[in-house]
Each structure stands twice: as C-alpha cells, then as structure tokens.
Amino acid sequence: MPSRPRGDRAGGGRRPAPRRGLRRGGAGPAPGEDVGLIMDPASSEFFHDGVYVYAGEGVRRSPSEHAARR
C-alpha cells in the first residue's frame, strides 16, 4: 500500500494512503452490487421497429416489457 511522504500531515509520520473508489472503505459503486451490465446479443434477432416480436407466441413487447420478463 502506498504511503504519504513525511510531513504531509500535521504531526508528520507515515500513514497509509487512502484507497479511493473501493466499497469497503471508500466511496463509489461496487461492481456486481451497485452496477451491472446485461447484454443479450440474441435479442437483436427479434427486435424490429422498436419492439420485440415473439413470432412463436404471437406477441409484441416494448423494451421495458421485454426487460421485465428477465
């Protein structure tokens, strides 16, 4: 862990540098907890004119309806 140089703080001495962006002691989102990414490349095969067309079911769904079914 990097340290601050002597004299960087009142009283001097060496202290650990803060670890920014890590959930357990710092601010920021935690991957898999606060932030996620979902990709469905196969869905492009049945996405036409702004809706998802389920030809086998005879149903058309909006993007929000499609996402809610996951």
PDB file of N, CA and C in Angstrom:
ATOM      1  N   MET A   1       0.847  -1.170   0.000  1.00  0.00           N
ATOM      2  CA  MET A   1       0.000   0.000   0.000  1.00  0.00           C
ATOM      3  C   MET A   1       0.894   1.234   0.000  1.00  0.00           C
ATOM      4  N   PRO A   2       0.636   2.224  -0.877  1.00  0.00           N
ATOM      5  CA  PRO A   2       1.472   3.419  -0.901  1.00  0.00           C
ATOM      6  C   PRO A   2       1.293   4.238   0.367  1.00  0.00           C
ATOM      7  N   SER A   3       2.310   4.970   0.726  1.00  0.00           N
ATOM      8  CA  SER A   3       2.260   5.815   1.917  1.00  0.00           C
ATOM      9  C   SER A   3       2.458   7.267   1.538  1.00  0.00           C
ATOM     10  N   ARG A   4       1.963   8.149   2.383  1.00  0.00           N
ATOM     11  CA  ARG A   4       2.182   9.578   2.186  1.00  0.00           C
ATOM     12  C   ARG A   4       3.589   9.927   2.644  1.00  0.00           C
ATOM     13  N   PRO A   5       4.210  10.887   1.993  1.00  0.00           N
ATOM     14  CA  PRO A   5       5.543  11.287   2.436  1.00  0.00           C
ATOM     15  C   PRO A   5       5.492  11.980   3.792  1.00  0.00           C
ATOM     16  N   ARG A   6       6.580  11.899   4.526  1.00  0.00           N
ATOM     17  CA  ARG A   6       6.693  12.525   5.836  1.00  0.00           C
ATOM     18  C   ARG A   6       6.421  14.018   5.720  1.00  0.00           C
ATOM     19  N   GLY A   7       5.690  14.559   6.675  1.00  0.00           N
ATOM     20  CA  GLY A   7       5.385  15.981   6.682  1.00  0.00           C
ATOM     21  C   GLY A   7       4.138  16.336   5.891  1.00  0.00           C
ATOM     22  N   ASP A   8       3.496  15.349   5.288  1.00  0.00           N
ATOM     23  CA  ASP A   8       2.293  15.604   4.515  1.00  0.00           C
ATOM     24  C   ASP A   8       1.131  16.003   5.421  1.00  0.00           C
ATOM     25  N   ARG A   9       1.155  15.559   6.656  1.00  0.00           N
ATOM     26  CA  ARG A   9       0.098  15.891   7.612  1.00  0.00           C
ATOM     27  C   ARG A   9       0.712  16.530   8.843  1.00  0.00           C
ATOM     28  N   ALA A  10      -0.082  17.272   9.557  1.00  0.00           N
ATOM     29  CA  ALA A  10       0.397  17.845  10.818  1.00  0.00           C
ATOM     30  C   ALA A  10       0.811  16.711  11.736  1.00  0.00           C
ATOM     31  N   GLY A  11       1.933  16.808  12.347  1.00  0.00           N
ATOM     32  CA  GLY A  11       2.414  15.755  13.220  1.00  0.00           C
ATOM     33  C   GLY A  11       3.388  14.833  12.515  1.00  0.00           C
ATOM     34  N   GLY A  12       3.469  14.915  11.185  1.00  0.00           N
ATOM     35  CA  GLY A  12       4.421  14.104  10.428  1.00  0.00           C
ATOM     36  C   GLY A  12       4.108  12.623  10.513  1.00  0.00           C
ATOM     37  N   GLY A  13       5.089  11.812  10.241  1.00  0.00           N
ATOM     38  CA  GLY A  13       4.910  10.362  10.300  1.00  0.00           C
ATOM     39  C   GLY A  13       4.397   9.802   8.990  1.00  0.00           C
ATOM     40  N   ARG A  14       4.399   8.496   8.906  1.00  0.00           N
ATOM     41  CA  ARG A  14       3.917   7.824   7.698  1.00  0.00           C
ATOM     42  C   ARG A  14       2.573   7.175   7.994  1.00  0.00           C
ATOM     43  N   ARG A  15       1.651   7.385   7.114  1.00  0.00           N
ATOM     44  CA  ARG A  15       0.318   6.796   7.229  1.00  0.00           C
ATOM     45  C   ARG A  15      -0.051   6.192   5.878  1.00  0.00           C
ATOM     46  N   PRO A  16      -0.869   5.175   5.878  1.00  0.00           N
ATOM     47  CA  PRO A  16      -1.286   4.607   4.593  1.00  0.00           C
ATOM     48  C   PRO A  16      -2.074   5.623   3.770  1.00  0.00           C
ATOM     49  N   ALA A  17      -1.856   5.618   2.478  1.00  0.00           N
ATOM     50  CA  ALA A  17      -2.625   6.486   1.578  1.00  0.00           C
ATOM     51  C   ALA A  17      -4.049   5.953   1.484  1.00  0.00           C
ATOM     52  N   PRO A  18      -5.015   6.833   1.300  1.00  0.00           N
ATOM     53  CA  PRO A  18      -6.398   6.356   1.184  1.00  0.00           C
ATOM     54  C   PRO A  18      -6.579   5.549  -0.096  1.00  0.00           C
ATOM     55  N   ARG A  19      -7.446   4.563  -0.025  1.00  0.00           N
ATOM     56  CA  ARG A  19      -7.755   3.744  -1.200  1.00  0.00           C
ATOM     57  C   ARG A  19      -9.124   4.180  -1.696  1.00  0.00           C
ATOM     58  N   ARG A  20      -9.119   4.973  -2.718  1.00  0.00           N
ATOM     59  CA  ARG A  20     -10.364   5.557  -3.219  1.00  0.00           C
ATOM     60  C   ARG A  20     -11.096   4.611  -4.156  1.00  0.00           C
ATOM     61  N   GLY A  21     -12.399   4.740  -4.147  1.00  0.00           N
ATOM     62  CA  GLY A  21     -13.219   4.002  -5.084  1.00  0.00           C
ATOM     63  C   GLY A  21     -13.504   2.564  -4.689  1.00  0.00           C
ATOM     64  N   LEU A  22     -13.020   2.139  -3.553  1.00  0.00           N
ATOM     65  CA  LEU A  22     -13.294   0.775  -3.116  1.00  0.00           C
ATOM     66  C   LEU A  22     -14.428   0.792  -2.112  1.00  0.00           C
ATOM     67  N   ARG A  23     -15.342  -0.111  -2.253  1.00  0.00           N
ATOM     68  CA  ARG A  23     -16.568  -0.126  -1.470  1.00  0.00           C
ATOM     69  C   ARG A  23     -16.343  -0.278   0.029  1.00  0.00           C
ATOM     70  N   ARG A  24     -15.436  -1.102   0.442  1.00  0.00           N
ATOM     71  CA  ARG A  24     -15.319  -1.430   1.855  1.00  0.00           C
ATOM     72  C   ARG A  24     -14.777  -0.294   2.713  1.00  0.00           C
ATOM     73  N   GLY A  25     -14.102   0.662   2.159  1.00  0.00           N
ATOM     74  CA  GLY A  25     -13.609   1.753   2.977  1.00  0.00           C
ATOM     75  C   GLY A  25     -13.732   3.088   2.301  1.00  0.00           C
ATOM     76  N   GLY A  26     -14.200   3.094   1.097  1.00  0.00           N
ATOM     77  CA  GLY A  26     -14.271   4.344   0.359  1.00  0.00           C
ATOM     78  C   GLY A  26     -15.611   4.515  -0.310  1.00  0.00           C
ATOM     79  N   ALA A  27     -15.673   5.542  -1.084  1.00  0.00           N
ATOM     80  CA  ALA A  27     -16.907   5.836  -1.804  1.00  0.00           C
ATOM     81  C   ALA A  27     -16.875   5.156  -3.159  1.00  0.00           C
ATOM     82  N   GLY A  28     -17.993   5.143  -3.789  1.00  0.00           N
ATOM     83  CA  GLY A  28     -18.055   4.612  -5.143  1.00  0.00           C
ATOM     84  C   GLY A  28     -18.866   3.339  -5.214  1.00  0.00           C
ATOM     85  N   PRO A  29     -19.319   3.017  -6.407  1.00  0.00           N
ATOM     86  CA  PRO A  29     -20.132   1.814  -6.575  1.00  0.00           C
ATOM     87  C   PRO A  29     -19.299   0.545  -6.519  1.00  0.00           C
ATOM     88  N   ALA A  30     -19.911  -0.514  -6.074  1.00  0.00           N
ATOM     89  CA  ALA A  30     -19.249  -1.819  -6.018  1.00  0.00           C
ATOM     90  C   ALA A  30     -19.719  -2.651  -7.208  1.00  0.00           C
ATOM     91  N   PRO A  31     -18.788  -3.145  -8.032  1.00  0.00           N
ATOM     92  CA  PRO A  31     -19.188  -3.971  -9.173  1.00  0.00           C
ATOM     93  C   PRO A  31     -19.991  -5.190  -8.720  1.00  0.00           C
ATOM     94  N   GLY A  32     -21.076  -5.445  -9.408  1.00  0.00           N
ATOM     95  CA  GLY A  32     -21.920  -6.582  -9.065  1.00  0.00           C
ATOM     96  C   GLY A  32     -22.925  -6.294  -7.975  1.00  0.00           C
ATOM     97  N   GLU A  33     -22.746  -5.203  -7.243  1.00  0.00           N
ATOM     98  CA  GLU A  33     -23.703  -4.830  -6.197  1.00  0.00           C
ATOM     99  C   GLU A  33     -24.490  -3.597  -6.614  1.00  0.00           C
ATOM    100  N   ASP A  34     -23.786  -2.534  -6.991  1.00  0.00           N
ATOM    101  CA  ASP A  34     -24.426  -1.275  -7.336  1.00  0.00           C
ATOM    102  C   ASP A  34     -24.497  -1.047  -8.842  1.00  0.00           C
ATOM    103  N   VAL A  35     -23.658  -1.731  -9.572  1.00  0.00           N
ATOM    104  CA  VAL A  35     -23.576  -1.526 -11.016  1.00  0.00           C
ATOM    105  C   VAL A  35     -23.545  -2.879 -11.710  1.00  0.00           C
ATOM    106  N   GLY A  36     -24.277  -2.999 -12.766  1.00  0.00           N
ATOM    107  CA  GLY A  36     -24.260  -4.236 -13.529  1.00  0.00           C
ATOM    108  C   GLY A  36     -24.457  -3.956 -15.002  1.00  0.00           C
ATOM    109  N   LEU A  37     -24.097  -4.891 -15.815  1.00  0.00           N
ATOM    110  CA  LEU A  37     -24.245  -4.765 -17.258  1.00  0.00           C
ATOM    111  C   LEU A  37     -24.804  -6.079 -17.785  1.00  0.00           C
ATOM    112  N   ILE A  38     -25.882  -5.969 -18.512  1.00  0.00           N
ATOM    113  CA  ILE A  38     -26.500  -7.159 -19.084  1.00  0.00           C
ATOM    114  C   ILE A  38     -26.536  -6.989 -20.595  1.00  0.00           C
ATOM    115  N   MET A  39     -26.071  -7.995 -21.288  1.00  0.00           N
ATOM    116  CA  MET A  39     -26.095  -7.972 -22.750  1.00  0.00           C
ATOM    117  C   MET A  39     -26.842  -9.206 -23.244  1.00  0.00           C
ATOM    118  N   ASP A  40     -27.671  -9.008 -24.232  1.00  0.00           N
ATOM    119  CA  ASP A  40     -28.408 -10.119 -24.821  1.00  0.00           C
ATOM    120  C   ASP A  40     -28.302 -10.006 -26.339  1.00  0.00           C
ATOM    121  N   PRO A  41     -27.177 -10.430 -26.906  1.00  0.00           N
ATOM    122  CA  PRO A  41     -26.998 -10.260 -28.345  1.00  0.00           C
ATOM    123  C   PRO A  41     -28.014 -11.029 -29.182  1.00  0.00           C
ATOM    124  N   ALA A  42     -28.546 -12.110 -28.675  1.00  0.00           N
ATOM    125  CA  ALA A  42     -29.523 -12.884 -29.441  1.00  0.00           C
ATOM    126  C   ALA A  42     -30.834 -12.128 -29.609  1.00  0.00           C
ATOM    127  N   SER A  43     -31.142 -11.208 -28.695  1.00  0.00           N
ATOM    128  CA  SER A  43     -32.412 -10.487 -28.783  1.00  0.00           C
ATOM    129  C   SER A  43     -32.468  -9.576 -30.002  1.00  0.00           C
ATOM    130  N   SER A  44     -31.316  -9.232 -30.578  1.00  0.00           N
ATOM    131  CA  SER A  44     -31.327  -8.392 -31.778  1.00  0.00           C
ATOM    132  C   SER A  44     -31.973  -9.125 -32.955  1.00  0.00           C
ATOM    133  N   GLU A  45     -32.055 -10.433 -32.869  1.00  0.00           N
ATOM    134  CA  GLU A  45     -32.675 -11.220 -33.937  1.00  0.00           C
ATOM    135  C   GLU A  45     -34.185 -11.025 -34.001  1.00  0.00           C
ATOM    136  N   PHE A  46     -34.819 -10.656 -32.888  1.00  0.00           N
ATOM    137  CA  PHE A  46     -36.268 -10.482 -32.910  1.00  0.00           C
ATOM    138  C   PHE A  46     -36.699  -9.085 -32.473  1.00  0.00           C
ATOM    139  N   PHE A  47     -35.788  -8.109 -32.543  1.00  0.00           N
ATOM    140  CA  PHE A  47     -36.106  -6.710 -32.248  1.00  0.00           C
ATOM    141  C   PHE A  47     -36.292  -5.986 -33.575  1.00  0.00           C
ATOM    142  N   HIS A  48     -37.514  -5.547 -33.844  1.00  0.00           N
ATOM    143  CA  HIS A  48     -37.830  -4.885 -35.116  1.00  0.00           C
ATOM    144  C   HIS A  48     -38.709  -3.671 -34.858  1.00  0.00           C
ATOM    145  N   ASP A  49     -38.361  -2.552 -35.474  1.00  0.00           N
ATOM    146  CA  ASP A  49     -39.166  -1.322 -35.397  1.00  0.00           C
ATOM    147  C   ASP A  49     -39.485  -0.910 -33.964  1.00  0.00           C
ATOM    148  N   GLY A  50     -38.528  -1.063 -33.062  1.00  0.00           N
ATOM    149  CA  GLY A  50     -38.685  -0.583 -31.688  1.00  0.00           C
ATOM    150  C   GLY A  50     -39.410  -1.520 -30.739  1.00  0.00           C
ATOM    151  N   VAL A  51     -39.769  -2.710 -31.192  1.00  0.00           N
ATOM    152  CA  VAL A  51     -40.434  -3.678 -30.311  1.00  0.00           C
ATOM    153  C   VAL A  51     -39.807  -5.055 -30.491  1.00  0.00           C
ATOM    154  N   TYR A  52     -39.980  -5.887 -29.484  1.00  0.00           N
ATOM    155  CA  TYR A  52     -39.529  -7.275 -29.546  1.00  0.00           C
ATOM    156  C   TYR A  52     -40.695  -8.116 -30.051  1.00  0.00           C
ATOM    157  N   VAL A  53     -40.475  -8.825 -31.142  1.00  0.00           N
ATOM    158  CA  VAL A  53     -41.528  -9.617 -31.780  1.00  0.00           C
ATOM    159  C   VAL A  53     -41.287 -11.090 -31.460  1.00  0.00           C
ATOM    160  N   TYR A  54     -42.184 -11.645 -30.661  1.00  0.00           N
ATOM    161  CA  TYR A  54     -42.138 -13.068 -30.317  1.00  0.00           C
ATOM    162  C   TYR A  54     -43.071 -13.789 -31.283  1.00  0.00           C
ATOM    163  N   ALA A  55     -42.556 -14.133 -32.450  1.00  0.00           N
ATOM    164  CA  ALA A  55     -43.387 -14.710 -33.514  1.00  0.00           C
ATOM    165  C   ALA A  55     -44.038 -16.020 -33.079  1.00  0.00           C
ATOM    166  N   GLY A  56     -43.318 -16.852 -32.359  1.00  0.00           N
ATOM    167  CA  GLY A  56     -43.860 -18.135 -31.915  1.00  0.00           C
ATOM    168  C   GLY A  56     -45.025 -17.988 -30.959  1.00  0.00           C
ATOM    169  N   GLU A  57     -45.040 -16.881 -30.204  1.00  0.00           N
ATOM    170  CA  GLU A  57     -46.117 -16.636 -29.242  1.00  0.00           C
ATOM    171  C   GLU A  57     -47.174 -15.693 -29.801  1.00  0.00           C
ATOM    172  N   GLY A  58     -46.858 -15.047 -30.927  1.00  0.00           N
ATOM    173  CA  GLY A  58     -47.779 -14.060 -31.484  1.00  0.00           C
ATOM    174  C   GLY A  58     -47.882 -12.819 -30.618  1.00  0.00           C
ATOM    175  N   VAL A  59     -46.771 -12.442 -29.972  1.00  0.00           N
ATOM    176  CA  VAL A  59     -46.765 -11.326 -29.026  1.00  0.00           C
ATOM    177  C   VAL A  59     -45.710 -10.307 -29.437  1.00  0.00           C
ATOM    178  N   ARG A  60     -46.025  -9.027 -29.195  1.00  0.00           N
ATOM    179  CA  ARG A  60     -45.056  -7.943 -29.386  1.00  0.00           C
ATOM    180  C   ARG A  60     -44.891  -7.245 -28.043  1.00  0.00           C
ATOM    181  N   ARG A  61     -43.638  -7.007 -27.629  1.00  0.00           N
ATOM    182  CA  ARG A  61     -43.373  -6.376 -26.332  1.00  0.00           C
ATOM    183  C   ARG A  61     -42.469  -5.162 -26.500  1.00  0.00           C
ATOM    184  N   SER A  62     -42.721  -4.145 -25.688  1.00  0.00           N
ATOM    185  CA  SER A  62     -41.857  -2.959 -25.658  1.00  0.00           C
ATOM    186  C   SER A  62     -40.542  -3.336 -24.976  1.00  0.00           C
ATOM    187  N   PRO A  63     -39.499  -2.505 -25.129  1.00  0.00           N
ATOM    188  CA  PRO A  63     -38.243  -2.805 -24.427  1.00  0.00           C
ATOM    189  C   PRO A  63     -38.417  -2.951 -22.914  1.00  0.00           C
ATOM    190  N   SER A  64     -39.259  -2.124 -22.292  1.00  0.00           N
ATOM    191  CA  SER A  64     -39.450  -2.248 -20.840  1.00  0.00           C
ATOM    192  C   SER A  64     -40.185  -3.542 -20.484  1.00  0.00           C
ATOM    193  N   GLU A  65     -41.131  -3.951 -21.298  1.00  0.00           N
ATOM    194  CA  GLU A  65     -41.821  -5.227 -21.058  1.00  0.00           C
ATOM    195  C   GLU A  65     -40.862  -6.402 -21.245  1.00  0.00           C
ATOM    196  N   HIS A  66     -40.015  -6.308 -22.261  1.00  0.00           N
ATOM    197  CA  HIS A  66     -39.028  -7.367 -22.512  1.00  0.00           C
ATOM    198  C   HIS A  66     -38.066  -7.484 -21.331  1.00  0.00           C
ATOM    199  N   ALA A  67     -37.588  -6.347 -20.816  1.00  0.00           N
ATOM    200  CA  ALA A  67     -36.648  -6.354 -19.688  1.00  0.00           C
ATOM    201  C   ALA A  67     -37.302  -6.883 -18.415  1.00  0.00           C
ATOM    202  N   ALA A  68     -38.587  -6.598 -18.225  1.00  0.00           N
ATOM    203  CA  ALA A  68     -39.291  -7.039 -17.014  1.00  0.00           C
ATOM    204  C   ALA A  68     -39.464  -8.556 -16.975  1.00  0.00           C
ATOM    205  N   ARG A  69     -39.421  -9.212 -18.107  1.00  0.00           N
ATOM    206  CA  ARG A  69     -39.606 -10.666 -18.158  1.00  0.00           C
ATOM    207  C   ARG A  69     -38.337 -11.424 -17.838  1.00  0.00           C
ATOM    208  N   ARG A  70     -37.227 -10.772 -17.632  1.00  0.00           N
ATOM    209  CA  ARG A  70     -35.948 -11.438 -17.364  1.00  0.00           C
ATOM    210  C   ARG A  70     -35.908 -11.963 -15.974  1.00  0.00           C
TER     211      ARG A  70
END
